N, C-alpha and C. Protein backbone atom coordinates (compact mmCIF):
# COMPACT_ATOMS: atom_id res chain seq x y z
N UNK A 1 -4.83 -13.86 6.51
CA UNK A 1 -4.31 -13.18 5.34
C UNK A 1 -5.42 -12.29 4.78
N UNK A 2 -5.14 -11.02 4.59
CA UNK A 2 -6.18 -10.12 4.06
C UNK A 2 -6.44 -10.42 2.59
N UNK A 3 -7.65 -10.13 2.15
CA UNK A 3 -7.96 -10.37 0.74
C UNK A 3 -7.13 -9.45 -0.15
N UNK A 4 -6.90 -9.88 -1.37
CA UNK A 4 -6.13 -9.01 -2.28
C UNK A 4 -6.93 -7.76 -2.59
N UNK A 5 -6.24 -6.68 -2.90
CA UNK A 5 -6.96 -5.45 -3.23
C UNK A 5 -7.76 -5.64 -4.51
N UNK A 6 -8.87 -4.92 -4.64
CA UNK A 6 -9.66 -5.06 -5.87
C UNK A 6 -8.83 -4.62 -7.08
N UNK A 7 -9.10 -5.31 -8.19
CA UNK A 7 -8.38 -4.97 -9.42
C UNK A 7 -8.89 -3.67 -9.98
N UNK A 8 -7.97 -2.88 -10.45
CA UNK A 8 -8.32 -1.62 -11.08
C UNK A 8 -8.87 -1.91 -12.48
N UNK A 9 -10.02 -1.36 -12.83
CA UNK A 9 -10.53 -1.57 -14.20
C UNK A 9 -9.51 -1.07 -15.22
N UNK A 10 -9.40 -1.80 -16.30
CA UNK A 10 -8.45 -1.42 -17.34
C UNK A 10 -9.20 -0.91 -18.56
N UNK A 11 -8.65 0.09 -19.17
CA UNK A 11 -9.25 0.60 -20.39
C UNK A 11 -8.86 -0.29 -21.56
N UNK A 12 -9.59 -0.16 -22.63
CA UNK A 12 -9.26 -0.93 -23.85
C UNK A 12 -7.86 -0.60 -24.33
N UNK A 13 -7.47 0.65 -24.21
CA UNK A 13 -6.14 1.06 -24.66
C UNK A 13 -5.06 0.35 -23.84
N UNK A 14 -5.27 0.24 -22.52
CA UNK A 14 -4.29 -0.45 -21.68
C UNK A 14 -4.17 -1.92 -22.07
N UNK A 15 -5.30 -2.56 -22.30
CA UNK A 15 -5.28 -3.97 -22.68
C UNK A 15 -4.60 -4.15 -24.03
N UNK A 16 -5.01 -3.35 -25.00
CA UNK A 16 -4.45 -3.48 -26.34
C UNK A 16 -2.96 -3.12 -26.39
N UNK A 17 -2.52 -2.20 -25.53
CA UNK A 17 -1.11 -1.82 -25.54
C UNK A 17 -0.22 -2.98 -25.11
N UNK A 18 -0.76 -3.91 -24.31
CA UNK A 18 0.02 -5.08 -23.90
C UNK A 18 0.07 -6.13 -25.00
N UNK A 19 -0.79 -6.03 -25.99
CA UNK A 19 -0.81 -7.03 -27.06
C UNK A 19 0.29 -6.82 -28.08
N UNK A 20 0.83 -5.61 -28.12
CA UNK A 20 1.96 -5.37 -29.02
C UNK A 20 1.54 -4.91 -30.40
N UNK A 21 1.66 -5.78 -31.39
CA UNK A 21 1.47 -5.38 -32.78
C UNK A 21 0.00 -5.18 -33.13
N UNK A 22 -0.21 -4.46 -34.21
CA UNK A 22 -1.58 -4.22 -34.67
C UNK A 22 -2.26 -5.52 -35.08
N UNK A 23 -1.50 -6.46 -35.62
CA UNK A 23 -2.09 -7.76 -35.99
C UNK A 23 -2.65 -8.46 -34.75
N UNK A 24 -1.94 -8.35 -33.64
CA UNK A 24 -2.46 -8.93 -32.39
C UNK A 24 -3.72 -8.19 -31.94
N UNK A 25 -3.73 -6.88 -32.11
CA UNK A 25 -4.92 -6.10 -31.76
C UNK A 25 -6.11 -6.59 -32.57
N UNK A 26 -5.89 -6.68 -33.89
CA UNK A 26 -6.98 -7.09 -34.78
C UNK A 26 -7.50 -8.48 -34.42
N UNK A 27 -6.59 -9.39 -34.10
CA UNK A 27 -6.98 -10.75 -33.71
C UNK A 27 -7.80 -10.72 -32.42
N UNK A 28 -7.33 -9.96 -31.44
CA UNK A 28 -8.03 -9.85 -30.15
C UNK A 28 -9.43 -9.27 -30.35
N UNK A 29 -9.52 -8.20 -31.10
CA UNK A 29 -10.82 -7.55 -31.33
C UNK A 29 -11.75 -8.45 -32.13
N UNK A 30 -11.21 -9.21 -33.08
CA UNK A 30 -12.03 -10.14 -33.86
C UNK A 30 -12.58 -11.24 -32.96
N UNK A 31 -11.77 -11.71 -32.02
CA UNK A 31 -12.24 -12.74 -31.09
C UNK A 31 -13.35 -12.20 -30.19
N UNK A 32 -13.19 -10.97 -29.72
CA UNK A 32 -14.23 -10.36 -28.89
C UNK A 32 -15.52 -10.22 -29.69
N UNK A 33 -15.41 -9.76 -30.93
CA UNK A 33 -16.59 -9.59 -31.78
C UNK A 33 -17.28 -10.92 -32.04
N UNK A 34 -16.50 -11.97 -32.29
CA UNK A 34 -17.08 -13.29 -32.54
C UNK A 34 -17.78 -13.82 -31.30
N UNK A 35 -17.17 -13.62 -30.14
CA UNK A 35 -17.78 -14.08 -28.89
C UNK A 35 -19.08 -13.32 -28.62
N UNK A 36 -19.08 -12.02 -28.88
CA UNK A 36 -20.29 -11.23 -28.68
C UNK A 36 -21.39 -11.66 -29.64
N UNK A 37 -21.02 -11.93 -30.87
CA UNK A 37 -22.01 -12.39 -31.86
C UNK A 37 -22.61 -13.73 -31.45
N UNK A 38 -21.76 -14.64 -30.99
CA UNK A 38 -22.23 -15.96 -30.56
C UNK A 38 -23.15 -15.84 -29.34
N UNK A 39 -22.77 -14.98 -28.41
CA UNK A 39 -23.59 -14.78 -27.22
C UNK A 39 -24.94 -14.18 -27.58
N UNK A 40 -24.95 -13.25 -28.52
CA UNK A 40 -26.20 -12.64 -28.97
C UNK A 40 -27.09 -13.68 -29.64
N UNK A 41 -26.50 -14.52 -30.49
CA UNK A 41 -27.28 -15.56 -31.17
C UNK A 41 -27.84 -16.55 -30.16
N UNK A 42 -27.05 -16.91 -29.17
CA UNK A 42 -27.51 -17.84 -28.14
C UNK A 42 -28.65 -17.22 -27.35
N UNK A 43 -28.53 -15.95 -27.02
CA UNK A 43 -29.58 -15.28 -26.26
C UNK A 43 -30.87 -15.21 -27.07
N UNK A 44 -30.75 -15.03 -28.38
CA UNK A 44 -31.93 -14.97 -29.23
C UNK A 44 -32.62 -16.32 -29.30
N UNK A 45 -31.85 -17.42 -29.19
CA UNK A 45 -32.42 -18.76 -29.25
C UNK A 45 -32.98 -19.22 -27.91
N UNK A 46 -32.67 -18.51 -26.84
CA UNK A 46 -33.11 -18.91 -25.51
C UNK A 46 -34.60 -18.65 -25.36
N UNK A 47 -35.36 -19.66 -24.93
CA UNK A 47 -36.79 -19.46 -24.74
C UNK A 47 -37.07 -18.37 -23.71
N UNK A 48 -38.15 -17.66 -23.92
CA UNK A 48 -38.45 -16.52 -23.06
C UNK A 48 -39.42 -16.87 -21.93
N UNK A 49 -40.34 -17.77 -22.16
CA UNK A 49 -41.35 -18.06 -21.14
C UNK A 49 -41.09 -19.42 -20.51
N UNK A 50 -41.74 -19.65 -19.38
CA UNK A 50 -41.60 -20.95 -18.70
C UNK A 50 -42.09 -22.08 -19.59
N UNK A 51 -43.18 -21.84 -20.32
CA UNK A 51 -43.72 -22.87 -21.21
C UNK A 51 -42.72 -23.20 -22.32
N UNK A 52 -42.10 -22.17 -22.88
CA UNK A 52 -41.11 -22.40 -23.93
C UNK A 52 -39.89 -23.15 -23.39
N UNK A 53 -39.45 -22.78 -22.18
CA UNK A 53 -38.32 -23.49 -21.57
C UNK A 53 -38.67 -24.95 -21.32
N UNK A 54 -39.88 -25.19 -20.79
CA UNK A 54 -40.32 -26.57 -20.54
C UNK A 54 -40.38 -27.37 -21.84
N UNK A 55 -40.91 -26.75 -22.89
CA UNK A 55 -41.01 -27.44 -24.18
C UNK A 55 -39.61 -27.76 -24.72
N UNK A 56 -38.68 -26.82 -24.58
CA UNK A 56 -37.32 -27.06 -25.05
C UNK A 56 -36.66 -28.17 -24.24
N UNK A 57 -36.84 -28.16 -22.92
CA UNK A 57 -36.25 -29.21 -22.08
C UNK A 57 -36.83 -30.58 -22.41
N UNK A 58 -38.14 -30.63 -22.66
CA UNK A 58 -38.78 -31.89 -23.03
C UNK A 58 -38.24 -32.40 -24.36
N UNK A 59 -38.10 -31.49 -25.32
CA UNK A 59 -37.56 -31.86 -26.62
C UNK A 59 -36.13 -32.37 -26.51
N UNK A 60 -35.31 -31.67 -25.73
CA UNK A 60 -33.93 -32.10 -25.55
C UNK A 60 -33.85 -33.44 -24.85
N UNK A 61 -34.71 -33.66 -23.85
CA UNK A 61 -34.72 -34.93 -23.13
C UNK A 61 -35.11 -36.07 -24.06
N UNK A 62 -36.08 -35.84 -24.94
CA UNK A 62 -36.49 -36.90 -25.86
C UNK A 62 -35.38 -37.18 -26.88
N UNK A 63 -34.67 -36.14 -27.32
CA UNK A 63 -33.55 -36.33 -28.24
C UNK A 63 -32.43 -37.13 -27.58
N UNK A 64 -32.15 -36.83 -26.32
CA UNK A 64 -31.12 -37.58 -25.59
C UNK A 64 -31.55 -39.03 -25.42
N UNK A 65 -32.82 -39.25 -25.08
CA UNK A 65 -33.32 -40.61 -24.91
C UNK A 65 -33.22 -41.39 -26.22
N UNK A 66 -33.53 -40.74 -27.33
CA UNK A 66 -33.44 -41.40 -28.64
C UNK A 66 -31.99 -41.76 -28.97
N UNK A 67 -31.07 -40.85 -28.70
CA UNK A 67 -29.66 -41.14 -28.95
C UNK A 67 -29.16 -42.28 -28.07
N UNK A 68 -29.56 -42.28 -26.81
CA UNK A 68 -29.15 -43.37 -25.91
C UNK A 68 -29.70 -44.70 -26.41
N UNK A 69 -30.95 -44.69 -26.91
CA UNK A 69 -31.55 -45.92 -27.42
C UNK A 69 -30.78 -46.40 -28.64
N UNK A 70 -30.45 -45.49 -29.56
CA UNK A 70 -29.71 -45.85 -30.77
C UNK A 70 -28.32 -46.41 -30.44
N UNK A 71 -27.71 -45.87 -29.41
CA UNK A 71 -26.37 -46.32 -29.03
C UNK A 71 -26.39 -47.57 -28.15
N UNK A 72 -27.59 -48.00 -27.79
CA UNK A 72 -27.73 -49.19 -26.96
C UNK A 72 -27.37 -48.96 -25.51
N UNK A 73 -27.49 -47.73 -25.05
CA UNK A 73 -27.16 -47.43 -23.67
C UNK A 73 -28.35 -47.62 -22.73
N UNK A 74 -29.53 -47.74 -23.29
CA UNK A 74 -30.74 -47.96 -22.46
C UNK A 74 -31.34 -49.31 -22.79
């Protein structure tokens, strides 16, 4: 079976025209904006260097170990 043909890129107008009412447009665009804002905030919180990543992983591991201890799982 041959692979399906590649999808044609869709413009914003094509996508929004399928949503129907302006209220649906506004909701869709608000969701996109919220997702972009969250992704930007997450990227800003992401450590940049190997040392920072290691420090964050160590901190998270100790927090997990502490929670497991409190819950009596260890």
